[in-house]
Structure formats: C-alpha cells, structure tokens
Amino acid sequence: MTFGTGIPLRQFSTHLRNDAVRHQIILDRVERNSVIEGLPRFTKTTRKECLEEIKKVAKR
C-alpha cells in the first residue's frame, strides 16, 4: 500500500480548506483523544495555547 500519492485530504474536503475550521477540528480531536487516555479536558488557557501551536505548525 502506498501513502501520499493521492489528493490531499485538505483539497478533497471543502470544509477542511478553511484554516479556522480545520484547526478547530484538529483541536477537538486532540482533546477528545487526551480525555480517552485519562487526561482532563482542556481549560480555556490550554485550548488557546494548543491552537496557537497548531497555527505555528500550519505556517511551515
């Protein structure tokens, strides 16, 4: 199986083309997975810091 040769998900899905929506989806999944692993839900501060990091990584 070969990965990375098709259309990127961001181009395939219209709602993922919007940076703000995509970042919120990523943040939601990270928080959900963290809770499943037994970590507490994000605070407003944690959510803000994570979102800032997501935006930094997206600029690369």
PDB file of N, CA and C in Angstrom:
ATOM      1  N   MET A   1       0.847  -1.177   0.000  1.00  0.00           N
ATOM      2  CA  MET A   1       0.000   0.000   0.000  1.00  0.00           C
ATOM      3  C   MET A   1       0.890   1.238   0.000  1.00  0.00           C
ATOM      4  N   THR A   2       0.576   2.173  -0.860  1.00  0.00           N
ATOM      5  CA  THR A   2       1.357   3.394  -0.970  1.00  0.00           C
ATOM      6  C   THR A   2       0.549   4.557  -0.401  1.00  0.00           C
ATOM      7  N   PHE A   3       1.195   5.336   0.456  1.00  0.00           N
ATOM      8  CA  PHE A   3       0.543   6.501   1.039  1.00  0.00           C
ATOM      9  C   PHE A   3       1.147   7.770   0.449  1.00  0.00           C
ATOM     10  N   GLY A   4       0.344   8.816   0.377  1.00  0.00           N
ATOM     11  CA  GLY A   4       0.851  10.113  -0.044  1.00  0.00           C
ATOM     12  C   GLY A   4       0.855  10.349  -1.536  1.00  0.00           C
ATOM     13  N   THR A   5       0.192   9.490  -2.306  1.00  0.00           N
ATOM     14  CA  THR A   5       0.207   9.676  -3.758  1.00  0.00           C
ATOM     15  C   THR A   5      -1.119  10.204  -4.300  1.00  0.00           C
ATOM     16  N   GLY A   6      -2.129  10.296  -3.446  1.00  0.00           N
ATOM     17  CA  GLY A   6      -3.440  10.762  -3.895  1.00  0.00           C
ATOM     18  C   GLY A   6      -3.646  12.235  -3.627  1.00  0.00           C
ATOM     19  N   ILE A   7      -4.886  12.648  -3.748  1.00  0.00           N
ATOM     20  CA  ILE A   7      -5.270  14.032  -3.477  1.00  0.00           C
ATOM     21  C   ILE A   7      -5.195  14.258  -1.964  1.00  0.00           C
ATOM     22  N   PRO A   8      -4.541  15.329  -1.510  1.00  0.00           N
ATOM     23  CA  PRO A   8      -4.512  15.609  -0.073  1.00  0.00           C
ATOM     24  C   PRO A   8      -5.928  15.806   0.464  1.00  0.00           C
ATOM     25  N   LEU A   9      -6.158  15.336   1.674  1.00  0.00           N
ATOM     26  CA  LEU A   9      -7.481  15.441   2.283  1.00  0.00           C
ATOM     27  C   LEU A   9      -7.968  16.881   2.313  1.00  0.00           C
ATOM     28  N   ARG A  10      -7.062  17.807   2.540  1.00  0.00           N
ATOM     29  CA  ARG A  10      -7.416  19.225   2.588  1.00  0.00           C
ATOM     30  C   ARG A  10      -8.011  19.685   1.254  1.00  0.00           C
ATOM     31  N   GLN A  11      -7.506  19.196   0.146  1.00  0.00           N
ATOM     32  CA  GLN A  11      -8.041  19.573  -1.163  1.00  0.00           C
ATOM     33  C   GLN A  11      -9.323  18.820  -1.484  1.00  0.00           C
ATOM     34  N   PHE A  12      -9.423  17.601  -0.996  1.00  0.00           N
ATOM     35  CA  PHE A  12     -10.591  16.768  -1.271  1.00  0.00           C
ATOM     36  C   PHE A  12     -11.834  17.257  -0.540  1.00  0.00           C
ATOM     37  N   SER A  13     -11.671  17.671   0.699  1.00  0.00           N
ATOM     38  CA  SER A  13     -12.797  18.075   1.536  1.00  0.00           C
ATOM     39  C   SER A  13     -12.899  19.597   1.588  1.00  0.00           C
ATOM     40  N   THR A  14     -14.022  20.129   1.139  1.00  0.00           N
ATOM     41  CA  THR A  14     -14.176  21.591   1.066  1.00  0.00           C
ATOM     42  C   THR A  14     -14.110  22.263   2.426  1.00  0.00           C
ATOM     43  N   HIS A  15     -14.666  21.647   3.478  1.00  0.00           N
ATOM     44  CA  HIS A  15     -14.649  22.332   4.783  1.00  0.00           C
ATOM     45  C   HIS A  15     -13.270  22.289   5.425  1.00  0.00           C
ATOM     46  N   LEU A  16     -12.386  21.405   4.993  1.00  0.00           N
ATOM     47  CA  LEU A  16     -11.025  21.383   5.533  1.00  0.00           C
ATOM     48  C   LEU A  16     -10.120  22.421   4.873  1.00  0.00           C
ATOM     49  N   ARG A  17     -10.590  23.051   3.816  1.00  0.00           N
ATOM     50  CA  ARG A  17      -9.812  24.107   3.162  1.00  0.00           C
ATOM     51  C   ARG A  17      -9.790  25.384   3.999  1.00  0.00           C
ATOM     52  N   ASN A  18     -10.774  25.537   4.861  1.00  0.00           N
ATOM     53  CA  ASN A  18     -10.857  26.699   5.738  1.00  0.00           C
ATOM     54  C   ASN A  18      -9.937  26.449   6.931  1.00  0.00           C
ATOM     55  N   ASP A  19      -8.887  27.267   7.057  1.00  0.00           N
ATOM     56  CA  ASP A  19      -7.901  27.067   8.121  1.00  0.00           C
ATOM     57  C   ASP A  19      -8.527  27.051   9.510  1.00  0.00           C
ATOM     58  N   ALA A  20      -9.411  27.989   9.796  1.00  0.00           N
ATOM     59  CA  ALA A  20     -10.003  28.088  11.136  1.00  0.00           C
ATOM     60  C   ALA A  20     -10.824  26.836  11.464  1.00  0.00           C
ATOM     61  N   VAL A  21     -11.596  26.366  10.516  1.00  0.00           N
ATOM     62  CA  VAL A  21     -12.413  25.168  10.732  1.00  0.00           C
ATOM     63  C   VAL A  21     -11.508  23.949  10.918  1.00  0.00           C
ATOM     64  N   ARG A  22     -10.510  23.814  10.075  1.00  0.00           N
ATOM     65  CA  ARG A  22      -9.579  22.686  10.160  1.00  0.00           C
ATOM     66  C   ARG A  22      -8.848  22.677  11.499  1.00  0.00           C
ATOM     67  N   HIS A  23      -8.398  23.835  11.953  1.00  0.00           N
ATOM     68  CA  HIS A  23      -7.695  23.924  13.231  1.00  0.00           C
ATOM     69  C   HIS A  23      -8.612  23.542  14.399  1.00  0.00           C
ATOM     70  N   GLN A  24      -9.869  23.958  14.346  1.00  0.00           N
ATOM     71  CA  GLN A  24     -10.814  23.597  15.400  1.00  0.00           C
ATOM     72  C   GLN A  24     -11.087  22.092  15.407  1.00  0.00           C
ATOM     73  N   ILE A  25     -11.166  21.488  14.236  1.00  0.00           N
ATOM     74  CA  ILE A  25     -11.371  20.039  14.145  1.00  0.00           C
ATOM     75  C   ILE A  25     -10.180  19.314  14.754  1.00  0.00           C
ATOM     76  N   ILE A  26      -8.974  19.755  14.423  1.00  0.00           N
ATOM     77  CA  ILE A  26      -7.763  19.139  14.977  1.00  0.00           C
ATOM     78  C   ILE A  26      -7.759  19.276  16.490  1.00  0.00           C
ATOM     79  N   LEU A  27      -8.045  20.467  16.981  1.00  0.00           N
ATOM     80  CA  LEU A  27      -8.049  20.725  18.416  1.00  0.00           C
ATOM     81  C   LEU A  27      -9.084  19.852  19.127  1.00  0.00           C
ATOM     82  N   ASP A  28     -10.254  19.715  18.538  1.00  0.00           N
ATOM     83  CA  ASP A  28     -11.307  18.871  19.114  1.00  0.00           C
ATOM     84  C   ASP A  28     -10.856  17.419  19.212  1.00  0.00           C
ATOM     85  N   ARG A  29     -10.231  16.908  18.159  1.00  0.00           N
ATOM     86  CA  ARG A  29      -9.770  15.507  18.161  1.00  0.00           C
ATOM     87  C   ARG A  29      -8.658  15.279  19.171  1.00  0.00           C
ATOM     88  N   VAL A  30      -7.754  16.250  19.284  1.00  0.00           N
ATOM     89  CA  VAL A  30      -6.661  16.132  20.257  1.00  0.00           C
ATOM     90  C   VAL A  30      -7.241  16.082  21.671  1.00  0.00           C
ATOM     91  N   GLU A  31      -8.179  16.970  21.961  1.00  0.00           N
ATOM     92  CA  GLU A  31      -8.781  16.984  23.293  1.00  0.00           C
ATOM     93  C   GLU A  31      -9.534  15.680  23.557  1.00  0.00           C
ATOM     94  N   ARG A  32     -10.294  15.227  22.594  1.00  0.00           N
ATOM     95  CA  ARG A  32     -11.070  14.000  22.752  1.00  0.00           C
ATOM     96  C   ARG A  32     -10.150  12.805  23.008  1.00  0.00           C
ATOM     97  N   ASN A  33      -9.082  12.696  22.241  1.00  0.00           N
ATOM     98  CA  ASN A  33      -8.138  11.597  22.428  1.00  0.00           C
ATOM     99  C   ASN A  33      -7.436  11.692  23.770  1.00  0.00           C
ATOM    100  N   SER A  34      -7.132  12.897  24.214  1.00  0.00           N
ATOM    101  CA  SER A  34      -6.497  13.086  25.515  1.00  0.00           C
ATOM    102  C   SER A  34      -7.412  12.624  26.646  1.00  0.00           C
ATOM    103  N   VAL A  35      -8.693  12.955  26.540  1.00  0.00           N
ATOM    104  CA  VAL A  35      -9.667  12.549  27.550  1.00  0.00           C
ATOM    105  C   VAL A  35      -9.789  11.026  27.573  1.00  0.00           C
ATOM    106  N   ILE A  36      -9.801  10.418  26.406  1.00  0.00           N
ATOM    107  CA  ILE A  36      -9.862   8.954  26.327  1.00  0.00           C
ATOM    108  C   ILE A  36      -8.662   8.336  27.041  1.00  0.00           C
ATOM    109  N   GLU A  37      -7.512   8.986  26.945  1.00  0.00           N
ATOM    110  CA  GLU A  37      -6.292   8.494  27.593  1.00  0.00           C
ATOM    111  C   GLU A  37      -6.257   8.815  29.089  1.00  0.00           C
ATOM    112  N   GLY A  38      -7.278   9.496  29.592  1.00  0.00           N
ATOM    113  CA  GLY A  38      -7.365   9.756  31.022  1.00  0.00           C
ATOM    114  C   GLY A  38      -6.915  11.139  31.457  1.00  0.00           C
ATOM    115  N   LEU A  39      -6.600  12.011  30.515  1.00  0.00           N
ATOM    116  CA  LEU A  39      -6.198  13.383  30.854  1.00  0.00           C
ATOM    117  C   LEU A  39      -7.440  14.252  31.019  1.00  0.00           C
ATOM    118  N   PRO A  40      -7.338  15.335  31.775  1.00  0.00           N
ATOM    119  CA  PRO A  40      -8.502  16.220  31.953  1.00  0.00           C
ATOM    120  C   PRO A  40      -8.803  16.996  30.671  1.00  0.00           C
ATOM    121  N   ARG A  41     -10.025  17.472  30.573  1.00  0.00           N
ATOM    122  CA  ARG A  41     -10.409  18.323  29.433  1.00  0.00           C
ATOM    123  C   ARG A  41      -9.556  19.576  29.429  1.00  0.00           C
ATOM    124  N   PHE A  42      -9.439  20.196  28.266  1.00  0.00           N
ATOM    125  CA  PHE A  42      -8.656  21.415  28.136  1.00  0.00           C
ATOM    126  C   PHE A  42      -9.334  22.557  28.893  1.00  0.00           C
ATOM    127  N   THR A  43      -8.522  23.398  29.480  1.00  0.00           N
ATOM    128  CA  THR A  43      -9.016  24.657  30.036  1.00  0.00           C
ATOM    129  C   THR A  43      -9.016  25.667  28.889  1.00  0.00           C
ATOM    130  N   LYS A  44      -9.571  26.831  29.121  1.00  0.00           N
ATOM    131  CA  LYS A  44      -9.545  27.869  28.083  1.00  0.00           C
ATOM    132  C   LYS A  44      -8.108  28.228  27.725  1.00  0.00           C
ATOM    133  N   THR A  45      -7.243  28.259  28.734  1.00  0.00           N
ATOM    134  CA  THR A  45      -5.832  28.593  28.510  1.00  0.00           C
ATOM    135  C   THR A  45      -5.142  27.510  27.684  1.00  0.00           C
ATOM    136  N   THR A  46      -5.377  26.258  28.041  1.00  0.00           N
ATOM    137  CA  THR A  46      -4.766  25.145  27.314  1.00  0.00           C
ATOM    138  C   THR A  46      -5.240  25.134  25.866  1.00  0.00           C
ATOM    139  N   ARG A  47      -6.543  25.328  25.673  1.00  0.00           N
ATOM    140  CA  ARG A  47      -7.108  25.343  24.315  1.00  0.00           C
ATOM    141  C   ARG A  47      -6.462  26.460  23.484  1.00  0.00           C
ATOM    142  N   LYS A  48      -6.302  27.634  24.084  1.00  0.00           N
ATOM    143  CA  LYS A  48      -5.702  28.777  23.381  1.00  0.00           C
ATOM    144  C   LYS A  48      -4.251  28.473  23.011  1.00  0.00           C
ATOM    145  N   GLU A  49      -3.491  27.919  23.956  1.00  0.00           N
ATOM    146  CA  GLU A  49      -2.085  27.593  23.704  1.00  0.00           C
ATOM    147  C   GLU A  49      -1.947  26.527  22.615  1.00  0.00           C
ATOM    148  N   CYS A  50      -2.780  25.507  22.661  1.00  0.00           N
ATOM    149  CA  CYS A  50      -2.735  24.448  21.636  1.00  0.00           C
ATOM    150  C   CYS A  50      -3.084  25.018  20.260  1.00  0.00           C
ATOM    151  N   LEU A  51      -4.085  25.873  20.210  1.00  0.00           N
ATOM    152  CA  LEU A  51      -4.484  26.476  18.942  1.00  0.00           C
ATOM    153  C   LEU A  51      -3.350  27.329  18.369  1.00  0.00           C
ATOM    154  N   GLU A  52      -2.648  28.061  19.218  1.00  0.00           N
ATOM    155  CA  GLU A  52      -1.511  28.855  18.764  1.00  0.00           C
ATOM    156  C   GLU A  52      -0.423  27.963  18.176  1.00  0.00           C
ATOM    157  N   GLU A  53      -0.169  26.820  18.824  1.00  0.00           N
ATOM    158  CA  GLU A  53       0.840  25.872  18.315  1.00  0.00           C
ATOM    159  C   GLU A  53       0.413  25.265  16.985  1.00  0.00           C
ATOM    160  N   ILE A  54      -0.849  24.944  16.843  1.00  0.00           N
ATOM    161  CA  ILE A  54      -1.378  24.402  15.586  1.00  0.00           C
ATOM    162  C   ILE A  54      -1.155  25.424  14.471  1.00  0.00           C
ATOM    163  N   LYS A  55      -1.439  26.684  14.756  1.00  0.00           N
ATOM    164  CA  LYS A  55      -1.274  27.736  13.756  1.00  0.00           C
ATOM    165  C   LYS A  55       0.199  27.900  13.373  1.00  0.00           C
ATOM    166  N   LYS A  56       1.100  27.798  14.356  1.00  0.00           N
ATOM    167  CA  LYS A  56       2.528  27.908  14.065  1.00  0.00           C
ATOM    168  C   LYS A  56       2.984  26.780  13.137  1.00  0.00           C
ATOM    169  N   VAL A  57       2.565  25.576  13.439  1.00  0.00           N
ATOM    170  CA  VAL A  57       2.951  24.411  12.629  1.00  0.00           C
ATOM    171  C   VAL A  57       2.359  24.531  11.217  1.00  0.00           C
ATOM    172  N   ALA A  58       1.151  25.059  11.112  1.00  0.00           N
ATOM    173  CA  ALA A  58       0.498  25.185   9.809  1.00  0.00           C
ATOM    174  C   ALA A  58       1.216  26.166   8.899  1.00  0.00           C
ATOM    175  N   LYS A  59       1.931  27.132   9.474  1.00  0.00           N
ATOM    176  CA  LYS A  59       2.627  28.139   8.672  1.00  0.00           C
ATOM    177  C   LYS A  59       3.883  27.590   8.000  1.00  0.00           C
ATOM    178  N   ARG A  60       4.399  26.478   8.507  1.00  0.00           N
ATOM    179  CA  ARG A  60       5.645  25.915   7.964  1.00  0.00           C
ATOM    180  C   ARG A  60       5.487  25.412   6.576  1.00  0.00           C
TER     181      ARG A  60
END
